[in-house]
Amino acid sequence: MDSNFDRDAYQALLEAKLEPWRVRATLAFAGVYQVAHELIKEAVIDEIRSFYCIGFNEAGMTYNEAGYEAEVLALDPKKRKMRASLLWMVNSGAITTAQADRLDAIYTHRHELTHELGKYIVDPAFEPDMQLFTDAVEILRDILRYWTQVEIDLGSFEQFGAVDLDEVTPGRLMLLQLCIDAYVDGLKMEQAAGQVS
């Protein structure tokens, strides 16, 4: 055992970590983080895929498979849809290379929060990464801003007259904000009840 190990200090950390409000906060954060990640995946993979839709038939959408393969999947040597789609978004000016790379860390943390949630609940050495979440929200905002501009350019909002991109709030961002607000309200309620120190 480490000679610098302080059993009493560790016990205090563990007891604080296992407070019911902390467990609830960790569970809620993991859920909100998951929502943010899924919205990013949808805005990246699904939106780009539908960008190559050329029509509909009885089975659903039909796609320009050759175009999708050449212009999207070919961007990643391993043909990983997410990475290729992110590179397409970088090439389109929607996000930066740094943001695309940051999404790797965001995904890794989502994987940990989903599959190793227990350690974030009981181990004082592990805390959910709020900075990764903040970065995820900012990247999602940039991606959705790009798709909103595409819709404006296509004339999707013509019936509303001149549309200011800064005044448009995509539904997916509203959904995420609803989840964030519920998470924060839960923390405030715990604090108001005197259970959060």
C-alpha atoms as a PDB file:
ATOM      1  CA  MET A   1       0.000   0.000   0.000  1.00  0.00           C
ATOM      2  CA  ASP A   2       1.220   3.514  -0.780  1.00  0.00           C
ATOM      3  CA  SER A   3       2.788   5.050   2.333  1.00  0.00           C
ATOM      4  CA  ASN A   4       1.207   8.404   1.391  1.00  0.00           C
ATOM      5  CA  PHE A   5      -2.281   6.880   1.302  1.00  0.00           C
ATOM      6  CA  ASP A   6      -4.597   8.612   3.746  1.00  0.00           C
ATOM      7  CA  ARG A   7      -7.426   6.223   4.589  1.00  0.00           C
ATOM      8  CA  ASP A   8      -9.509   8.868   6.361  1.00  0.00           C
ATOM      9  CA  ALA A   9      -9.218  11.336   3.479  1.00  0.00           C
ATOM     10  CA  TYR A  10     -10.171   8.616   0.985  1.00  0.00           C
ATOM     11  CA  GLN A  11     -13.148   7.588   3.111  1.00  0.00           C
ATOM     12  CA  ALA A  12     -14.349  11.204   3.202  1.00  0.00           C
ATOM     13  CA  LEU A  13     -14.021  11.457  -0.588  1.00  0.00           C
ATOM     14  CA  LEU A  14     -15.866   8.181  -1.073  1.00  0.00           C
ATOM     15  CA  GLU A  15     -18.692   9.151   1.282  1.00  0.00           C
ATOM     16  CA  ALA A  16     -19.078  12.479  -0.528  1.00  0.00           C
ATOM     17  CA  LYS A  17     -19.079  10.704  -3.881  1.00  0.00           C
ATOM     18  CA  LEU A  18     -21.832   8.331  -2.741  1.00  0.00           C
ATOM     19  CA  GLU A  19     -24.172  11.058  -1.502  1.00  0.00           C
ATOM     20  CA  PRO A  20     -27.523  10.429  -3.222  1.00  0.00           C
ATOM     21  CA  TRP A  21     -27.560  13.883  -4.840  1.00  0.00           C
ATOM     22  CA  ARG A  22     -24.094  13.232  -6.347  1.00  0.00           C
ATOM     23  CA  VAL A  23     -25.196   9.867  -7.730  1.00  0.00           C
ATOM     24  CA  ARG A  24     -28.300  11.510  -9.250  1.00  0.00           C
ATOM     25  CA  ALA A  25     -26.192  14.333 -10.700  1.00  0.00           C
ATOM     26  CA  THR A  26     -23.753  11.874 -12.298  1.00  0.00           C
ATOM     27  CA  LEU A  27     -26.572   9.789 -13.761  1.00  0.00           C
ATOM     28  CA  ALA A  28     -28.314  12.892 -15.115  1.00  0.00           C
ATOM     29  CA  PHE A  29     -25.092  14.263 -16.588  1.00  0.00           C
ATOM     30  CA  ALA A  30     -24.383  10.934 -18.310  1.00  0.00           C
ATOM     31  CA  GLY A  31     -27.858  11.084 -19.864  1.00  0.00           C
ATOM     32  CA  VAL A  32     -27.477  14.661 -21.105  1.00  0.00           C
ATOM     33  CA  TYR A  33     -24.017  13.841 -22.472  1.00  0.00           C
ATOM     34  CA  GLN A  34     -25.498  10.867 -24.340  1.00  0.00           C
ATOM     35  CA  VAL A  35     -28.204  13.080 -25.857  1.00  0.00           C
ATOM     36  CA  ALA A  36     -25.576  15.588 -27.039  1.00  0.00           C
ATOM     37  CA  HIS A  37     -23.503  12.831 -28.620  1.00  0.00           C
ATOM     38  CA  GLU A  38     -26.471  11.294 -30.422  1.00  0.00           C
ATOM     39  CA  LEU A  39     -27.498  14.700 -31.774  1.00  0.00           C
ATOM     40  CA  ILE A  40     -23.971  15.215 -33.106  1.00  0.00           C
ATOM     41  CA  LYS A  41     -23.989  11.792 -34.762  1.00  0.00           C
ATOM     42  CA  GLU A  42     -27.343  12.538 -36.360  1.00  0.00           C
ATOM     43  CA  ALA A  43     -26.243  15.986 -37.571  1.00  0.00           C
ATOM     44  CA  VAL A  44     -23.038  14.577 -39.023  1.00  0.00           C
ATOM     45  CA  ILE A  45     -23.704  11.087 -40.382  1.00  0.00           C
ATOM     46  CA  ASP A  46     -27.440  11.248 -41.133  1.00  0.00           C
ATOM     47  CA  GLU A  47     -27.508  14.785 -42.519  1.00  0.00           C
ATOM     48  CA  ILE A  48     -24.589  14.188 -44.873  1.00  0.00           C
ATOM     49  CA  ARG A  49     -26.091  10.877 -45.974  1.00  0.00           C
ATOM     50  CA  SER A  50     -29.398  12.565 -46.775  1.00  0.00           C
ATOM     51  CA  PHE A  51     -27.473  15.250 -48.658  1.00  0.00           C
ATOM     52  CA  TYR A  52     -26.844  12.480 -51.224  1.00  0.00           C
ATOM     53  CA  CYS A  53     -30.515  11.481 -51.473  1.00  0.00           C
ATOM     54  CA  ILE A  54     -31.676  11.517 -55.080  1.00  0.00           C
ATOM     55  CA  GLY A  55     -35.253  10.340 -54.676  1.00  0.00           C
ATOM     56  CA  PHE A  56     -37.714   7.982 -53.090  1.00  0.00           C
ATOM     57  CA  ASN A  57     -39.153   4.596 -53.937  1.00  0.00           C
ATOM     58  CA  GLU A  58     -41.345   2.022 -52.166  1.00  0.00           C
ATOM     59  CA  ALA A  59     -38.415   1.021 -49.929  1.00  0.00           C
ATOM     60  CA  GLY A  60     -37.635   4.593 -48.886  1.00  0.00           C
ATOM     61  CA  MET A  61     -34.873   6.970 -49.935  1.00  0.00           C
ATOM     62  CA  THR A  62     -32.547   6.245 -52.801  1.00  0.00           C
ATOM     63  CA  TYR A  63     -29.044   7.640 -52.762  1.00  0.00           C
ATOM     64  CA  ASN A  64     -26.258   8.616 -55.088  1.00  0.00           C
ATOM     65  CA  GLU A  65     -24.082   5.812 -53.718  1.00  0.00           C
ATOM     66  CA  ALA A  66     -21.155   6.542 -56.053  1.00  0.00           C
ATOM     67  CA  GLY A  67     -21.140  10.212 -55.062  1.00  0.00           C
ATOM     68  CA  TYR A  68     -21.391   9.382 -51.352  1.00  0.00           C
ATOM     69  CA  GLU A  69     -18.564   6.856 -51.666  1.00  0.00           C
ATOM     70  CA  ALA A  70     -16.303   9.202 -53.656  1.00  0.00           C
ATOM     71  CA  GLU A  71     -17.031  12.461 -51.841  1.00  0.00           C
ATOM     72  CA  VAL A  72     -17.530  11.281 -48.259  1.00  0.00           C
ATOM     73  CA  LEU A  73     -16.372   7.751 -47.442  1.00  0.00           C
ATOM     74  CA  ALA A  74     -13.200   8.088 -49.531  1.00  0.00           C
ATOM     75  CA  LEU A  75     -12.034  10.861 -47.167  1.00  0.00           C
ATOM     76  CA  ASP A  76     -11.190   8.264 -44.511  1.00  0.00           C
ATOM     77  CA  PRO A  77      -8.864   5.429 -45.567  1.00  0.00           C
ATOM     78  CA  LYS A  78     -10.685   3.062 -43.171  1.00  0.00           C
ATOM     79  CA  LYS A  79     -14.095   4.152 -44.535  1.00  0.00           C
ATOM     80  CA  ARG A  80     -15.381   4.966 -41.027  1.00  0.00           C
ATOM     81  CA  LYS A  81     -18.623   6.872 -41.568  1.00  0.00           C
ATOM     82  CA  MET A  82     -18.207   9.248 -38.643  1.00  0.00           C
ATOM     83  CA  ARG A  83     -14.602  10.198 -39.398  1.00  0.00           C
ATOM     84  CA  ALA A  84     -15.241  10.502 -43.138  1.00  0.00           C
ATOM     85  CA  SER A  85     -18.323  12.625 -42.490  1.00  0.00           C
ATOM     86  CA  LEU A  86     -16.383  14.876 -40.127  1.00  0.00           C
ATOM     87  CA  LEU A  87     -13.697  15.366 -42.760  1.00  0.00           C
ATOM     88  CA  TRP A  88     -16.425  16.245 -45.265  1.00  0.00           C
ATOM     89  CA  MET A  89     -17.695  18.841 -42.795  1.00  0.00           C
ATOM     90  CA  VAL A  90     -14.174  20.248 -42.384  1.00  0.00           C
ATOM     91  CA  ASN A  91     -13.816  20.466 -46.173  1.00  0.00           C
ATOM     92  CA  SER A  92     -17.199  22.226 -46.330  1.00  0.00           C
ATOM     93  CA  GLY A  93     -16.141  24.798 -43.733  1.00  0.00           C
ATOM     94  CA  ALA A  94     -18.741  23.692 -41.171  1.00  0.00           C
ATOM     95  CA  ILE A  95     -16.168  22.852 -38.486  1.00  0.00           C
ATOM     96  CA  THR A  96     -12.419  22.999 -38.039  1.00  0.00           C
ATOM     97  CA  THR A  97      -9.993  20.087 -38.040  1.00  0.00           C
ATOM     98  CA  ALA A  98      -9.431  20.731 -34.331  1.00  0.00           C
ATOM     99  CA  GLN A  99     -13.173  20.375 -33.708  1.00  0.00           C
ATOM    100  CA  ALA A 100     -13.299  17.139 -35.718  1.00  0.00           C
ATOM    101  CA  ASP A 101     -10.384  15.788 -33.696  1.00  0.00           C
ATOM    102  CA  ARG A 102     -11.994  16.925 -30.425  1.00  0.00           C
ATOM    103  CA  LEU A 103     -15.035  14.811 -31.270  1.00  0.00           C
ATOM    104  CA  ASP A 104     -12.814  11.727 -30.909  1.00  0.00           C
ATOM    105  CA  ALA A 105     -12.262  12.602 -27.231  1.00  0.00           C
ATOM    106  CA  ILE A 106     -15.949  13.447 -26.861  1.00  0.00           C
ATOM    107  CA  TYR A 107     -16.876  10.031 -28.284  1.00  0.00           C
ATOM    108  CA  THR A 108     -14.381   8.231 -26.031  1.00  0.00           C
ATOM    109  CA  HIS A 109     -15.850   9.926 -22.968  1.00  0.00           C
ATOM    110  CA  ARG A 110     -19.387   9.062 -24.121  1.00  0.00           C
ATOM    111  CA  HIS A 111     -18.295   5.446 -24.422  1.00  0.00           C
ATOM    112  CA  GLU A 112     -16.883   5.511 -20.881  1.00  0.00           C
ATOM    113  CA  LEU A 113     -19.973   7.200 -19.434  1.00  0.00           C
ATOM    114  CA  THR A 114     -22.167   4.610 -21.115  1.00  0.00           C
ATOM    115  CA  HIS A 115     -20.193   1.420 -20.555  1.00  0.00           C
ATOM    116  CA  GLU A 116     -18.233   2.257 -17.404  1.00  0.00           C
ATOM    117  CA  LEU A 117     -20.765   4.451 -15.618  1.00  0.00           C
ATOM    118  CA  GLY A 118     -20.221   2.648 -12.334  1.00  0.00           C
ATOM    119  CA  LYS A 119     -16.706   4.004 -11.896  1.00  0.00           C
ATOM    120  CA  TYR A 120     -18.007   7.571 -12.325  1.00  0.00           C
ATOM    121  CA  ILE A 121     -20.576   6.898  -9.630  1.00  0.00           C
ATOM    122  CA  VAL A 122     -18.382   5.217  -7.002  1.00  0.00           C
ATOM    123  CA  ASP A 123     -14.722   6.050  -7.684  1.00  0.00           C
ATOM    124  CA  PRO A 124     -13.543   9.433  -6.340  1.00  0.00           C
ATOM    125  CA  ALA A 125     -10.789   9.455  -8.974  1.00  0.00           C
ATOM    126  CA  PHE A 126     -13.307   9.721 -11.832  1.00  0.00           C
ATOM    127  CA  GLU A 127     -15.568  12.662 -12.589  1.00  0.00           C
ATOM    128  CA  PRO A 128     -17.546  13.334 -15.778  1.00  0.00           C
ATOM    129  CA  ASP A 129     -15.714  15.834 -17.988  1.00  0.00           C
ATOM    130  CA  MET A 130     -17.748  19.037 -18.149  1.00  0.00           C
ATOM    131  CA  GLN A 131     -15.287  20.652 -20.596  1.00  0.00           C
ATOM    132  CA  LEU A 132     -15.818  17.872 -23.129  1.00  0.00           C
ATOM    133  CA  PHE A 133     -19.564  18.392 -22.788  1.00  0.00           C
ATOM    134  CA  THR A 134     -19.202  22.145 -23.294  1.00  0.00           C
ATOM    135  CA  ASP A 135     -17.064  21.503 -26.385  1.00  0.00           C
ATOM    136  CA  ALA A 136     -19.635  19.015 -27.696  1.00  0.00           C
ATOM    137  CA  VAL A 137     -22.408  21.616 -27.397  1.00  0.00           C
ATOM    138  CA  GLU A 138     -20.309  24.246 -29.201  1.00  0.00           C
ATOM    139  CA  ILE A 139     -19.411  21.848 -32.013  1.00  0.00           C
ATOM    140  CA  LEU A 140     -23.043  20.776 -32.370  1.00  0.00           C
ATOM    141  CA  ARG A 141     -24.036  24.444 -32.546  1.00  0.00           C
ATOM    142  CA  ASP A 142     -21.525  25.023 -35.387  1.00  0.00           C
ATOM    143  CA  ILE A 143     -22.684  21.922 -37.269  1.00  0.00           C
ATOM    144  CA  LEU A 144     -26.347  22.892 -36.997  1.00  0.00           C
ATOM    145  CA  ARG A 145     -25.522  26.460 -38.013  1.00  0.00           C
ATOM    146  CA  TYR A 146     -23.932  25.049 -41.184  1.00  0.00           C
ATOM    147  CA  TRP A 147     -27.016  22.944 -41.987  1.00  0.00           C
ATOM    148  CA  THR A 148     -29.298  25.921 -41.318  1.00  0.00           C
ATOM    149  CA  GLN A 149     -27.278  27.969 -43.802  1.00  0.00           C
ATOM    150  CA  VAL A 150     -27.638  25.156 -46.342  1.00  0.00           C
ATOM    151  CA  GLU A 151     -31.415  25.277 -45.836  1.00  0.00           C
ATOM    152  CA  ILE A 152     -31.423  29.067 -46.232  1.00  0.00           C
ATOM    153  CA  ASP A 153     -29.378  28.754 -49.440  1.00  0.00           C
ATOM    154  CA  LEU A 154     -31.813  26.143 -50.764  1.00  0.00           C
ATOM    155  CA  GLY A 155     -34.721  28.511 -50.121  1.00  0.00           C
ATOM    156  CA  SER A 156     -36.338  26.439 -47.384  1.00  0.00           C
ATOM    157  CA  PHE A 157     -37.250  29.553 -45.403  1.00  0.00           C
ATOM    158  CA  GLU A 158     -38.409  31.774 -48.293  1.00  0.00           C
ATOM    159  CA  GLN A 159     -41.935  32.029 -46.881  1.00  0.00           C
ATOM    160  CA  PHE A 160     -40.431  33.812 -43.835  1.00  0.00           C
ATOM    161  CA  GLY A 161     -38.647  36.477 -45.870  1.00  0.00           C
ATOM    162  CA  ALA A 162     -35.082  37.397 -44.976  1.00  0.00           C
ATOM    163  CA  VAL A 163     -33.821  34.977 -42.323  1.00  0.00           C
ATOM    164  CA  ASP A 164     -31.020  36.001 -39.976  1.00  0.00           C
ATOM    165  CA  LEU A 165     -28.900  32.920 -39.297  1.00  0.00           C
ATOM    166  CA  ASP A 166     -28.169  34.205 -35.791  1.00  0.00           C
ATOM    167  CA  GLU A 167     -31.879  34.226 -34.956  1.00  0.00           C
ATOM    168  CA  VAL A 168     -32.578  30.627 -35.992  1.00  0.00           C
ATOM    169  CA  THR A 169     -32.545  28.005 -33.238  1.00  0.00           C
ATOM    170  CA  PRO A 170     -32.664  24.485 -34.670  1.00  0.00           C
ATOM    171  CA  GLY A 171     -35.039  22.066 -32.954  1.00  0.00           C
ATOM    172  CA  ARG A 172     -32.173  19.785 -31.985  1.00  0.00           C
ATOM    173  CA  LEU A 173     -30.508  22.613 -30.070  1.00  0.00           C
ATOM    174  CA  MET A 174     -33.798  23.392 -28.360  1.00  0.00           C
ATOM    175  CA  LEU A 175     -34.069  19.728 -27.316  1.00  0.00           C
ATOM    176  CA  LEU A 176     -30.549  19.724 -25.913  1.00  0.00           C
ATOM    177  CA  GLN A 177     -31.159  23.007 -24.092  1.00  0.00           C
ATOM    178  CA  LEU A 178     -34.303  21.509 -22.551  1.00  0.00           C
ATOM    179  CA  CYS A 179     -32.201  18.602 -21.241  1.00  0.00           C
ATOM    180  CA  ILE A 180     -29.480  20.931 -19.927  1.00  0.00           C
ATOM    181  CA  ASP A 181     -32.078  23.118 -18.207  1.00  0.00           C
ATOM    182  CA  ALA A 182     -33.655  20.075 -16.552  1.00  0.00           C
ATOM    183  CA  TYR A 183     -30.219  18.931 -15.343  1.00  0.00           C
ATOM    184  CA  VAL A 184     -29.363  22.364 -13.924  1.00  0.00           C
ATOM    185  CA  ASP A 185     -32.818  22.729 -12.338  1.00  0.00           C
ATOM    186  CA  GLY A 186     -32.324  19.370 -10.636  1.00  0.00           C
ATOM    187  CA  LEU A 187     -29.023  20.536  -9.173  1.00  0.00           C
ATOM    188  CA  LYS A 188     -30.644  23.782  -7.987  1.00  0.00           C
ATOM    189  CA  MET A 189     -33.490  21.870  -6.339  1.00  0.00           C
ATOM    190  CA  GLU A 190     -30.981  19.680  -4.504  1.00  0.00           C
ATOM    191  CA  GLN A 191     -29.111  22.768  -3.360  1.00  0.00           C
ATOM    192  CA  ALA A 192     -32.294  24.541  -2.268  1.00  0.00           C
ATOM    193  CA  ALA A 193     -33.261  21.473  -0.269  1.00  0.00           C
ATOM    194  CA  GLY A 194     -29.945  21.845   1.540  1.00  0.00           C
ATOM    195  CA  GLN A 195     -28.574  18.552   0.307  1.00  0.00           C
ATOM    196  CA  VAL A 196     -25.787  19.985  -1.828  1.00  0.00           C
ATOM    197  CA  SER A 197     -22.854  21.557  -0.068  1.00  0.00           C
END
